[in-house]
């Protein structure tokens, strides 16, 4: 088993990172870009198959060492929510804030 991953972590990731899930990916020009998964993530995958908001299909390569997945976006119902307690995935200390 990979360091930092256990079966509960991989199970949770495979349940959250499914087709149509929305994520934030880092971007050199815009800092963050919104994307939607076009294929379910499975533990051990080295790339995510995504569609950007402009309709472009891309493969987002995961870091070989950390295999960190991109930040999940909040559901549409919570977009623009000012009450941080209502967010599904609130920003964590030490991580870049979501746009």
PDB file of N, CA and C in Angstrom:
ATOM      1  N   UNK A   1       0.841  -1.179   0.000  1.00  0.00           N
ATOM      2  CA  UNK A   1       0.000   0.000   0.000  1.00  0.00           C
ATOM      3  C   UNK A   1       0.889   1.245   0.000  1.00  0.00           C
ATOM      4  N   UNK A   2       0.469   2.286  -0.743  1.00  0.00           N
ATOM      5  CA  UNK A   2       1.264   3.508  -0.838  1.00  0.00           C
ATOM      6  C   UNK A   2       1.270   4.259   0.483  1.00  0.00           C
ATOM      7  N   UNK A   3       2.397   4.917   0.745  1.00  0.00           N
ATOM      8  CA  UNK A   3       2.516   5.733   1.945  1.00  0.00           C
ATOM      9  C   UNK A   3       1.466   6.843   1.887  1.00  0.00           C
ATOM     10  N   UNK A   4       0.754   7.052   2.988  1.00  0.00           N
ATOM     11  CA  UNK A   4      -0.232   8.116   3.060  1.00  0.00           C
ATOM     12  C   UNK A   4      -1.605   7.717   2.535  1.00  0.00           C
ATOM     13  N   UNK A   5      -1.723   6.507   2.004  1.00  0.00           N
ATOM     14  CA  UNK A   5      -3.007   6.044   1.506  1.00  0.00           C
ATOM     15  C   UNK A   5      -3.392   4.771   2.236  1.00  0.00           C
ATOM     16  N   UNK A   6      -4.635   4.668   2.635  1.00  0.00           N
ATOM     17  CA  UNK A   6      -5.129   3.415   3.167  1.00  0.00           C
ATOM     18  C   UNK A   6      -6.423   3.105   2.438  1.00  0.00           C
ATOM     19  N   UNK A   7      -7.014   1.966   2.699  1.00  0.00           N
ATOM     20  CA  UNK A   7      -8.199   1.564   1.943  1.00  0.00           C
ATOM     21  C   UNK A   7      -9.357   2.527   2.144  1.00  0.00           C
ATOM     22  N   UNK A   8      -9.494   3.125   3.350  1.00  0.00           N
ATOM     23  CA  UNK A   8     -10.594   4.061   3.571  1.00  0.00           C
ATOM     24  C   UNK A   8     -10.387   5.343   2.775  1.00  0.00           C
ATOM     25  N   UNK A   9      -9.121   5.795   2.640  1.00  0.00           N
ATOM     26  CA  UNK A   9      -8.836   6.990   1.857  1.00  0.00           C
ATOM     27  C   UNK A   9      -9.148   6.742   0.392  1.00  0.00           C
ATOM     28  N   UNK A  10      -8.678   5.628  -0.155  1.00  0.00           N
ATOM     29  CA  UNK A  10      -8.914   5.352  -1.562  1.00  0.00           C
ATOM     30  C   UNK A  10     -10.394   5.110  -1.833  1.00  0.00           C
ATOM     31  N   UNK A  11     -11.089   4.494  -0.885  1.00  0.00           N
ATOM     32  CA  UNK A  11     -12.517   4.271  -1.063  1.00  0.00           C
ATOM     33  C   UNK A  11     -13.260   5.604  -1.088  1.00  0.00           C
ATOM     34  N   UNK A  12     -12.930   6.487  -0.172  1.00  0.00           N
ATOM     35  CA  UNK A  12     -13.587   7.789  -0.139  1.00  0.00           C
ATOM     36  C   UNK A  12     -13.307   8.571  -1.418  1.00  0.00           C
ATOM     37  N   UNK A  13     -12.071   8.557  -1.891  1.00  0.00           N
ATOM     38  CA  UNK A  13     -11.718   9.274  -3.114  1.00  0.00           C
ATOM     39  C   UNK A  13     -12.477   8.707  -4.304  1.00  0.00           C
ATOM     40  N   UNK A  14     -12.563   7.391  -4.385  1.00  0.00           N
ATOM     41  CA  UNK A  14     -13.262   6.797  -5.527  1.00  0.00           C
ATOM     42  C   UNK A  14     -14.762   7.083  -5.473  1.00  0.00           C
ATOM     43  N   UNK A  15     -15.300   7.337  -4.291  1.00  0.00           N
ATOM     44  CA  UNK A  15     -16.708   7.694  -4.167  1.00  0.00           C
ATOM     45  C   UNK A  15     -16.950   9.166  -4.481  1.00  0.00           C
ATOM     46  N   UNK A  16     -15.973  10.034  -4.185  1.00  0.00           N
ATOM     47  CA  UNK A  16     -16.132  11.468  -4.400  1.00  0.00           C
ATOM     48  C   UNK A  16     -15.740  11.906  -5.806  1.00  0.00           C
ATOM     49  N   UNK A  17     -14.700  11.308  -6.351  1.00  0.00           N
ATOM     50  CA  UNK A  17     -14.176  11.716  -7.661  1.00  0.00           C
ATOM     51  C   UNK A  17     -14.758  10.808  -8.734  1.00  0.00           C
ATOM     52  N   UNK A  18     -16.051  11.020  -8.997  1.00  0.00           N
ATOM     53  CA  UNK A  18     -16.767  10.229  -9.989  1.00  0.00           C
ATOM     54  C   UNK A  18     -17.144  11.119 -11.171  1.00  0.00           C
ATOM     55  N   UNK A  19     -17.561  10.470 -12.249  1.00  0.00           N
ATOM     56  CA  UNK A  19     -17.974  11.203 -13.444  1.00  0.00           C
ATOM     57  C   UNK A  19     -18.963  12.295 -13.054  1.00  0.00           C
ATOM     58  N   UNK A  20     -18.755  13.480 -13.582  1.00  0.00           N
ATOM     59  CA  UNK A  20     -19.556  14.691 -13.364  1.00  0.00           C
ATOM     60  C   UNK A  20     -19.188  15.456 -12.089  1.00  0.00           C
ATOM     61  N   UNK A  21     -18.306  14.909 -11.231  1.00  0.00           N
ATOM     62  CA  UNK A  21     -17.847  15.679 -10.076  1.00  0.00           C
ATOM     63  C   UNK A  21     -17.066  16.881 -10.591  1.00  0.00           C
ATOM     64  N   UNK A  22     -17.193  18.004  -9.890  1.00  0.00           N
ATOM     65  CA  UNK A  22     -16.501  19.226 -10.318  1.00  0.00           C
ATOM     66  C   UNK A  22     -15.332  19.502  -9.404  1.00  0.00           C
ATOM     67  N   UNK A  23     -14.222  19.933 -10.010  1.00  0.00           N
ATOM     68  CA  UNK A  23     -12.980  20.163  -9.267  1.00  0.00           C
ATOM     69  C   UNK A  23     -12.348  21.479  -9.693  1.00  0.00           C
ATOM     70  N   UNK A  24     -11.404  21.941  -8.865  1.00  0.00           N
ATOM     71  CA  UNK A  24     -10.551  23.079  -9.206  1.00  0.00           C
ATOM     72  C   UNK A  24      -9.178  22.529  -9.565  1.00  0.00           C
ATOM     73  N   UNK A  25      -8.636  22.954 -10.706  1.00  0.00           N
ATOM     74  CA  UNK A  25      -7.269  22.565 -11.051  1.00  0.00           C
ATOM     75  C   UNK A  25      -6.417  23.827 -11.133  1.00  0.00           C
ATOM     76  N   UNK A  26      -5.152  23.732 -10.717  1.00  0.00           N
ATOM     77  CA  UNK A  26      -4.268  24.901 -10.770  1.00  0.00           C
ATOM     78  C   UNK A  26      -4.035  25.337 -12.215  1.00  0.00           C
ATOM     79  N   UNK A  27      -3.904  26.649 -12.417  1.00  0.00           N
ATOM     80  CA  UNK A  27      -3.656  27.197 -13.748  1.00  0.00           C
ATOM     81  C   UNK A  27      -2.652  28.338 -13.639  1.00  0.00           C
ATOM     82  N   UNK A  28      -1.662  28.351 -14.513  1.00  0.00           N
ATOM     83  CA  UNK A  28      -0.597  29.360 -14.460  1.00  0.00           C
ATOM     84  C   UNK A  28      -1.127  30.771 -14.698  1.00  0.00           C
ATOM     85  N   UNK A  29      -2.129  30.928 -15.559  1.00  0.00           N
ATOM     86  CA  UNK A  29      -2.655  32.255 -15.882  1.00  0.00           C
ATOM     87  C   UNK A  29      -3.799  32.685 -14.977  1.00  0.00           C
ATOM     88  N   UNK A  30      -4.733  31.784 -14.726  1.00  0.00           N
ATOM     89  CA  UNK A  30      -5.946  32.137 -13.984  1.00  0.00           C
ATOM     90  C   UNK A  30      -5.919  31.682 -12.526  1.00  0.00           C
ATOM     91  N   UNK A  31      -4.868  31.083 -12.062  1.00  0.00           N
ATOM     92  CA  UNK A  31      -4.678  30.529 -10.727  1.00  0.00           C
ATOM     93  C   UNK A  31      -5.474  29.231 -10.559  1.00  0.00           C
ATOM     94  N   UNK A  32      -6.783  29.270 -10.768  1.00  0.00           N
ATOM     95  CA  UNK A  32      -7.633  28.078 -10.706  1.00  0.00           C
ATOM     96  C   UNK A  32      -8.528  28.023 -11.930  1.00  0.00           C
ATOM     97  N   UNK A  33      -8.811  26.817 -12.403  1.00  0.00           N
ATOM     98  CA  UNK A  33      -9.804  26.596 -13.462  1.00  0.00           C
ATOM     99  C   UNK A  33     -10.775  25.533 -12.972  1.00  0.00           C
ATOM    100  N   UNK A  34     -12.019  25.732 -13.320  1.00  0.00           N
ATOM    101  CA  UNK A  34     -13.048  24.772 -12.980  1.00  0.00           C
ATOM    102  C   UNK A  34     -13.074  23.674 -14.044  1.00  0.00           C
ATOM    103  N   UNK A  35     -13.258  22.443 -13.595  1.00  0.00           N
ATOM    104  CA  UNK A  35     -13.331  21.322 -14.530  1.00  0.00           C
ATOM    105  C   UNK A  35     -14.297  20.275 -13.979  1.00  0.00           C
ATOM    106  N   UNK A  36     -14.750  19.402 -14.876  1.00  0.00           N
ATOM    107  CA  UNK A  36     -15.676  18.334 -14.510  1.00  0.00           C
ATOM    108  C   UNK A  36     -15.079  17.003 -14.946  1.00  0.00           C
ATOM    109  N   UNK A  37     -15.129  16.016 -14.067  1.00  0.00           N
ATOM    110  CA  UNK A  37     -14.614  14.697 -14.418  1.00  0.00           C
ATOM    111  C   UNK A  37     -15.488  14.059 -15.492  1.00  0.00           C
ATOM    112  N   UNK A  38     -14.839  13.454 -16.475  1.00  0.00           N
ATOM    113  CA  UNK A  38     -15.564  12.759 -17.542  1.00  0.00           C
ATOM    114  C   UNK A  38     -15.452  11.245 -17.384  1.00  0.00           C
ATOM    115  N   UNK A  39     -14.691  10.820 -16.371  1.00  0.00           N
ATOM    116  CA  UNK A  39     -14.476   9.393 -16.111  1.00  0.00           C
ATOM    117  C   UNK A  39     -14.244   9.235 -14.617  1.00  0.00           C
ATOM    118  N   UNK A  40     -14.752   8.168 -14.034  1.00  0.00           N
ATOM    119  CA  UNK A  40     -14.542   7.899 -12.613  1.00  0.00           C
ATOM    120  C   UNK A  40     -13.060   7.743 -12.303  1.00  0.00           C
ATOM    121  N   UNK A  41     -12.633   8.265 -11.146  1.00  0.00           N
ATOM    122  CA  UNK A  41     -11.280   8.056 -10.646  1.00  0.00           C
ATOM    123  C   UNK A  41     -11.230   6.727  -9.913  1.00  0.00           C
ATOM    124  N   UNK A  42     -10.157   5.972 -10.141  1.00  0.00           N
ATOM    125  CA  UNK A  42      -9.927   4.733  -9.401  1.00  0.00           C
ATOM    126  C   UNK A  42      -8.571   4.838  -8.721  1.00  0.00           C
ATOM    127  N   UNK A  43      -8.453   4.288  -7.508  1.00  0.00           N
ATOM    128  CA  UNK A  43      -7.186   4.306  -6.779  1.00  0.00           C
ATOM    129  C   UNK A  43      -6.078   3.761  -7.687  1.00  0.00           C
ATOM    130  N   UNK A  44      -4.992   4.506  -7.778  1.00  0.00           N
ATOM    131  CA  UNK A  44      -3.870   4.104  -8.619  1.00  0.00           C
ATOM    132  C   UNK A  44      -3.832   4.811  -9.960  1.00  0.00           C
ATOM    133  N   UNK A  45      -4.932   5.473 -10.362  1.00  0.00           N
ATOM    134  CA  UNK A  45      -4.933   6.235 -11.618  1.00  0.00           C
ATOM    135  C   UNK A  45      -3.871   7.327 -11.545  1.00  0.00           C
ATOM    136  N   UNK A  46      -3.189   7.574 -12.645  1.00  0.00           N
ATOM    137  CA  UNK A  46      -2.165   8.626 -12.668  1.00  0.00           C
ATOM    138  C   UNK A  46      -2.681   9.913 -13.306  1.00  0.00           C
ATOM    139  N   UNK A  47      -3.850   9.866 -13.928  1.00  0.00           N
ATOM    140  CA  UNK A  47      -4.442  11.057 -14.535  1.00  0.00           C
ATOM    141  C   UNK A  47      -5.943  11.094 -14.267  1.00  0.00           C
ATOM    142  N   UNK A  48      -6.479  12.315 -14.323  1.00  0.00           N
ATOM    143  CA  UNK A  48      -7.927  12.507 -14.278  1.00  0.00           C
ATOM    144  C   UNK A  48      -8.361  12.984 -15.659  1.00  0.00           C
ATOM    145  N   UNK A  49      -9.462  12.463 -16.134  1.00  0.00           N
ATOM    146  CA  UNK A  49     -10.025  12.886 -17.419  1.00  0.00           C
ATOM    147  C   UNK A  49     -11.068  13.963 -17.127  1.00  0.00           C
ATOM    148  N   UNK A  50     -10.830  15.171 -17.658  1.00  0.00           N
ATOM    149  CA  UNK A  50     -11.635  16.337 -17.311  1.00  0.00           C
ATOM    150  C   UNK A  50     -12.112  17.091 -18.542  1.00  0.00           C
ATOM    151  N   UNK A  51     -13.188  17.852 -18.367  1.00  0.00           N
ATOM    152  CA  UNK A  51     -13.636  18.843 -19.336  1.00  0.00           C
ATOM    153  C   UNK A  51     -13.639  20.187 -18.629  1.00  0.00           C
ATOM    154  N   UNK A  52     -12.930  21.163 -19.213  1.00  0.00           N
ATOM    155  CA  UNK A  52     -12.904  22.518 -18.666  1.00  0.00           C
ATOM    156  C   UNK A  52     -14.218  23.217 -18.977  1.00  0.00           C
ATOM    157  N   UNK A  53     -14.467  24.350 -18.311  1.00  0.00           N
ATOM    158  CA  UNK A  53     -15.715  25.090 -18.534  1.00  0.00           C
ATOM    159  C   UNK A  53     -15.881  25.542 -19.973  1.00  0.00           C
ATOM    160  N   UNK A  54     -14.751  25.745 -20.697  1.00  0.00           N
ATOM    161  CA  UNK A  54     -14.844  26.169 -22.099  1.00  0.00           C
ATOM    162  C   UNK A  54     -15.092  24.991 -23.048  1.00  0.00           C
ATOM    163  N   UNK A  55     -15.248  23.768 -22.485  1.00  0.00           N
ATOM    164  CA  UNK A  55     -15.553  22.596 -23.289  1.00  0.00           C
ATOM    165  C   UNK A  55     -14.337  21.784 -23.721  1.00  0.00           C
ATOM    166  N   UNK A  56     -13.132  22.261 -23.396  1.00  0.00           N
ATOM    167  CA  UNK A  56     -11.917  21.553 -23.785  1.00  0.00           C
ATOM    168  C   UNK A  56     -11.708  20.328 -22.896  1.00  0.00           C
ATOM    169  N   UNK A  57     -11.478  19.167 -23.526  1.00  0.00           N
ATOM    170  CA  UNK A  57     -11.176  17.949 -22.789  1.00  0.00           C
ATOM    171  C   UNK A  57      -9.678  17.887 -22.522  1.00  0.00           C
ATOM    172  N   UNK A  58      -9.306  17.574 -21.281  1.00  0.00           N
ATOM    173  CA  UNK A  58      -7.890  17.475 -20.920  1.00  0.00           C
ATOM    174  C   UNK A  58      -7.668  16.253 -20.027  1.00  0.00           C
ATOM    175  N   UNK A  59      -6.416  15.852 -19.911  1.00  0.00           N
ATOM    176  CA  UNK A  59      -6.009  14.867 -18.933  1.00  0.00           C
ATOM    177  C   UNK A  59      -5.137  15.593 -17.921  1.00  0.00           C
ATOM    178  N   UNK A  60      -5.543  15.578 -16.668  1.00  0.00           N
ATOM    179  CA  UNK A  60      -4.809  16.243 -15.596  1.00  0.00           C
ATOM    180  C   UNK A  60      -3.939  15.202 -14.912  1.00  0.00           C
ATOM    181  N   UNK A  61      -2.622  15.303 -15.082  1.00  0.00           N
ATOM    182  CA  UNK A  61      -1.679  14.347 -14.495  1.00  0.00           C
ATOM    183  C   UNK A  61      -1.542  14.610 -13.006  1.00  0.00           C
ATOM    184  N   UNK A  62      -1.670  13.555 -12.222  1.00  0.00           N
ATOM    185  CA  UNK A  62      -1.472  13.653 -10.780  1.00  0.00           C
ATOM    186  C   UNK A  62       0.014  13.589 -10.472  1.00  0.00           C
ATOM    187  N   UNK A  63       0.443  14.271  -9.416  1.00  0.00           N
ATOM    188  CA  UNK A  63       1.843  14.261  -9.000  1.00  0.00           C
ATOM    189  C   UNK A  63       2.268  12.818  -8.716  1.00  0.00           C
ATOM    190  N   UNK A  64       3.378  12.396  -9.325  1.00  0.00           N
ATOM    191  CA  UNK A  64       3.849  11.012  -9.174  1.00  0.00           C
ATOM    192  C   UNK A  64       4.111  10.625  -7.725  1.00  0.00           C
ATOM    193  N   UNK A  65       4.584  11.562  -6.923  1.00  0.00           N
ATOM    194  CA  UNK A  65       4.949  11.251  -5.532  1.00  0.00           C
ATOM    195  C   UNK A  65       3.759  11.305  -4.595  1.00  0.00           C
ATOM    196  N   UNK A  66       2.975  12.377  -4.667  1.00  0.00           N
ATOM    197  CA  UNK A  66       1.902  12.568  -3.692  1.00  0.00           C
ATOM    198  C   UNK A  66       0.565  11.996  -4.144  1.00  0.00           C
ATOM    199  N   UNK A  67       0.328  11.948  -5.445  1.00  0.00           N
ATOM    200  CA  UNK A  67      -0.962  11.503  -6.005  1.00  0.00           C
ATOM    201  C   UNK A  67      -2.129  12.335  -5.461  1.00  0.00           C
ATOM    202  N   UNK A  68      -1.821  13.581  -5.023  1.00  0.00           N
ATOM    203  CA  UNK A  68      -2.873  14.449  -4.491  1.00  0.00           C
ATOM    204  C   UNK A  68      -3.907  14.742  -5.567  1.00  0.00           C
ATOM    205  N   UNK A  69      -5.167  14.628  -5.178  1.00  0.00           N
ATOM    206  CA  UNK A  69      -6.276  14.936  -6.084  1.00  0.00           C
ATOM    207  C   UNK A  69      -6.603  16.419  -5.972  1.00  0.00           C
ATOM    208  N   UNK A  70      -7.149  17.007  -7.048  1.00  0.00           N
ATOM    209  CA  UNK A  70      -7.496  18.426  -6.980  1.00  0.00           C
ATOM    210  C   UNK A  70      -8.645  18.673  -6.003  1.00  0.00           C
ATOM    211  N   UNK A  71      -8.787  19.931  -5.589  1.00  0.00           N
ATOM    212  CA  UNK A  71      -9.859  20.321  -4.673  1.00  0.00           C
ATOM    213  C   UNK A  71     -11.214  20.120  -5.343  1.00  0.00           C
ATOM    214  N   UNK A  72     -12.155  19.581  -4.588  1.00  0.00           N
ATOM    215  CA  UNK A  72     -13.531  19.458  -5.075  1.00  0.00           C
ATOM    216  C   UNK A  72     -14.209  20.822  -5.021  1.00  0.00           C
ATOM    217  N   UNK A  73     -15.083  21.074  -5.985  1.00  0.00           N
ATOM    218  CA  UNK A  73     -15.893  22.295  -5.968  1.00  0.00           C
ATOM    219  C   UNK A  73     -17.153  22.036  -5.163  1.00  0.00           C
ATOM    220  N   UNK A  74     -17.715  23.097  -4.625  1.00  0.00           N
ATOM    221  CA  UNK A  74     -18.997  22.987  -3.936  1.00  0.00           C
ATOM    222  C   UNK A  74     -20.112  22.825  -4.967  1.00  0.00           C
ATOM    223  N   UNK A  75     -21.208  22.182  -4.575  1.00  0.00           N
ATOM    224  CA  UNK A  75     -22.350  22.052  -5.488  1.00  0.00           C
ATOM    225  C   UNK A  75     -22.911  23.421  -5.867  1.00  0.00           C
ATOM    226  N   UNK A  76     -23.604  23.489  -7.010  1.00  0.00           N
ATOM    227  CA  UNK A  76     -24.174  24.746  -7.501  1.00  0.00           C
ATOM    228  C   UNK A  76     -25.007  25.469  -6.447  1.00  0.00           C
ATOM    229  N   UNK A  77     -25.742  24.717  -5.644  1.00  0.00           N
ATOM    230  CA  UNK A  77     -26.622  25.341  -4.657  1.00  0.00           C
ATOM    231  C   UNK A  77     -25.839  26.190  -3.652  1.00  0.00           C
ATOM    232  N   UNK A  78     -24.548  25.891  -3.455  1.00  0.00           N
ATOM    233  CA  UNK A  78     -23.744  26.623  -2.479  1.00  0.00           C
ATOM    234  C   UNK A  78     -22.826  27.661  -3.103  1.00  0.00           C
ATOM    235  N   UNK A  79     -22.819  27.797  -4.426  1.00  0.00           N
ATOM    236  CA  UNK A  79     -21.973  28.801  -5.076  1.00  0.00           C
ATOM    237  C   UNK A  79     -22.429  30.183  -4.626  1.00  0.00           C
ATOM    238  N   UNK A  80     -21.483  30.999  -4.189  1.00  0.00           N
ATOM    239  CA  UNK A  80     -21.801  32.340  -3.720  1.00  0.00           C
ATOM    240  C   UNK A  80     -22.244  32.390  -2.272  1.00  0.00           C
ATOM    241  N   UNK A  81     -22.184  31.255  -1.589  1.00  0.00           N
ATOM    242  CA  UNK A  81     -22.596  31.186  -0.188  1.00  0.00           C
ATOM    243  C   UNK A  81     -21.607  31.962   0.679  1.00  0.00           C
ATOM    244  N   UNK A  82     -22.119  32.869   1.508  1.00  0.00           N
ATOM    245  CA  UNK A  82     -21.257  33.662   2.374  1.00  0.00           C
ATOM    246  C   UNK A  82     -21.027  33.021   3.733  1.00  0.00           C
ATOM    247  N   UNK A  83     -21.864  32.082   4.102  1.00  0.00           N
ATOM    248  CA  UNK A  83     -21.739  31.409   5.386  1.00  0.00           C
ATOM    249  C   UNK A  83     -20.838  30.186   5.208  1.00  0.00           C
ATOM    250  N   UNK A  84     -19.575  30.264   5.662  1.00  0.00           N
ATOM    251  CA  UNK A  84     -18.621  29.176   5.452  1.00  0.00           C
ATOM    252  C   UNK A  84     -19.063  27.866   6.092  1.00  0.00           C
ATOM    253  N   UNK A  85     -19.944  27.922   7.096  1.00  0.00           N
ATOM    254  CA  UNK A  85     -20.408  26.681   7.720  1.00  0.00           C
ATOM    255  C   UNK A  85     -21.327  25.903   6.789  1.00  0.00           C
ATOM    256  N   UNK A  86     -21.850  26.555   5.754  1.00  0.00           N
ATOM    257  CA  UNK A  86     -22.745  25.889   4.815  1.00  0.00           C
ATOM    258  C   UNK A  86     -21.996  25.194   3.685  1.00  0.00           C
ATOM    259  N   UNK A  87     -20.709  25.457   3.543  1.00  0.00           N
ATOM    260  CA  UNK A  87     -19.955  24.881   2.440  1.00  0.00           C
ATOM    261  C   UNK A  87     -19.688  23.399   2.657  1.00  0.00           C
ATOM    262  N   UNK A  88     -19.740  22.632   1.575  1.00  0.00           N
ATOM    263  CA  UNK A  88     -19.449  21.202   1.649  1.00  0.00           C
ATOM    264  C   UNK A  88     -17.966  20.956   1.861  1.00  0.00           C
ATOM    265  N   UNK A  89     -17.128  21.744   1.202  1.00  0.00           N
ATOM    266  CA  UNK A  89     -15.679  21.572   1.262  1.00  0.00           C
ATOM    267  C   UNK A  89     -15.037  22.896   1.622  1.00  0.00           C
ATOM    268  N   UNK A  90     -15.109  23.292   2.912  1.00  0.00           N
ATOM    269  CA  UNK A  90     -14.545  24.589   3.304  1.00  0.00           C
ATOM    270  C   UNK A  90     -13.024  24.594   3.138  1.00  0.00           C
ATOM    271  N   UNK A  91     -12.453  25.768   2.870  1.00  0.00           N
ATOM    272  CA  UNK A  91     -10.999  25.863   2.755  1.00  0.00           C
ATOM    273  C   UNK A  91     -10.343  25.437   4.056  1.00  0.00           C
ATOM    274  N   UNK A  92      -9.179  24.787   3.948  1.00  0.00           N
ATOM    275  CA  UNK A  92      -8.435  24.374   5.145  1.00  0.00           C
ATOM    276  C   UNK A  92      -7.221  25.279   5.306  1.00  0.00           C
ATOM    277  N   UNK A  93      -6.799  25.461   6.539  1.00  0.00           N
ATOM    278  CA  UNK A  93      -5.592  26.257   6.808  1.00  0.00           C
ATOM    279  C   UNK A  93      -4.411  25.616   6.099  1.00  0.00           C
ATOM    280  N   UNK A  94      -3.566  26.443   5.515  1.00  0.00           N
ATOM    281  CA  UNK A  94      -2.373  25.935   4.853  1.00  0.00           C
ATOM    282  C   UNK A  94      -2.592  25.507   3.417  1.00  0.00           C
ATOM    283  N   UNK A  95      -3.810  25.615   2.929  1.00  0.00           N
ATOM    284  CA  UNK A  95      -4.118  25.291   1.542  1.00  0.00           C
ATOM    285  C   UNK A  95      -4.574  26.556   0.841  1.00  0.00           C
ATOM    286  N   UNK A  96      -4.283  26.680  -0.452  1.00  0.00           N
ATOM    287  CA  UNK A  96      -4.799  27.845  -1.178  1.00  0.00           C
ATOM    288  C   UNK A  96      -6.331  27.851  -1.129  1.00  0.00           C
ATOM    289  N   UNK A  97      -6.904  29.005  -0.970  1.00  0.00           N
ATOM    290  CA  UNK A  97      -8.362  29.120  -0.938  1.00  0.00           C
ATOM    291  C   UNK A  97      -8.933  28.867  -2.313  1.00  0.00           C
ATOM    292  N   UNK A  98     -10.131  28.295  -2.364  1.00  0.00           N
ATOM    293  CA  UNK A  98     -10.813  28.092  -3.644  1.00  0.00           C
ATOM    294  C   UNK A  98     -11.303  29.433  -4.134  1.00  0.00           C
ATOM    295  N   UNK A  99     -11.335  29.610  -5.457  1.00  0.00           N
ATOM    296  CA  UNK A  99     -11.828  30.897  -5.989  1.00  0.00           C
ATOM    297  C   UNK A  99     -13.274  31.132  -5.650  1.00  0.00           C
TER     298      UNK A  99
END
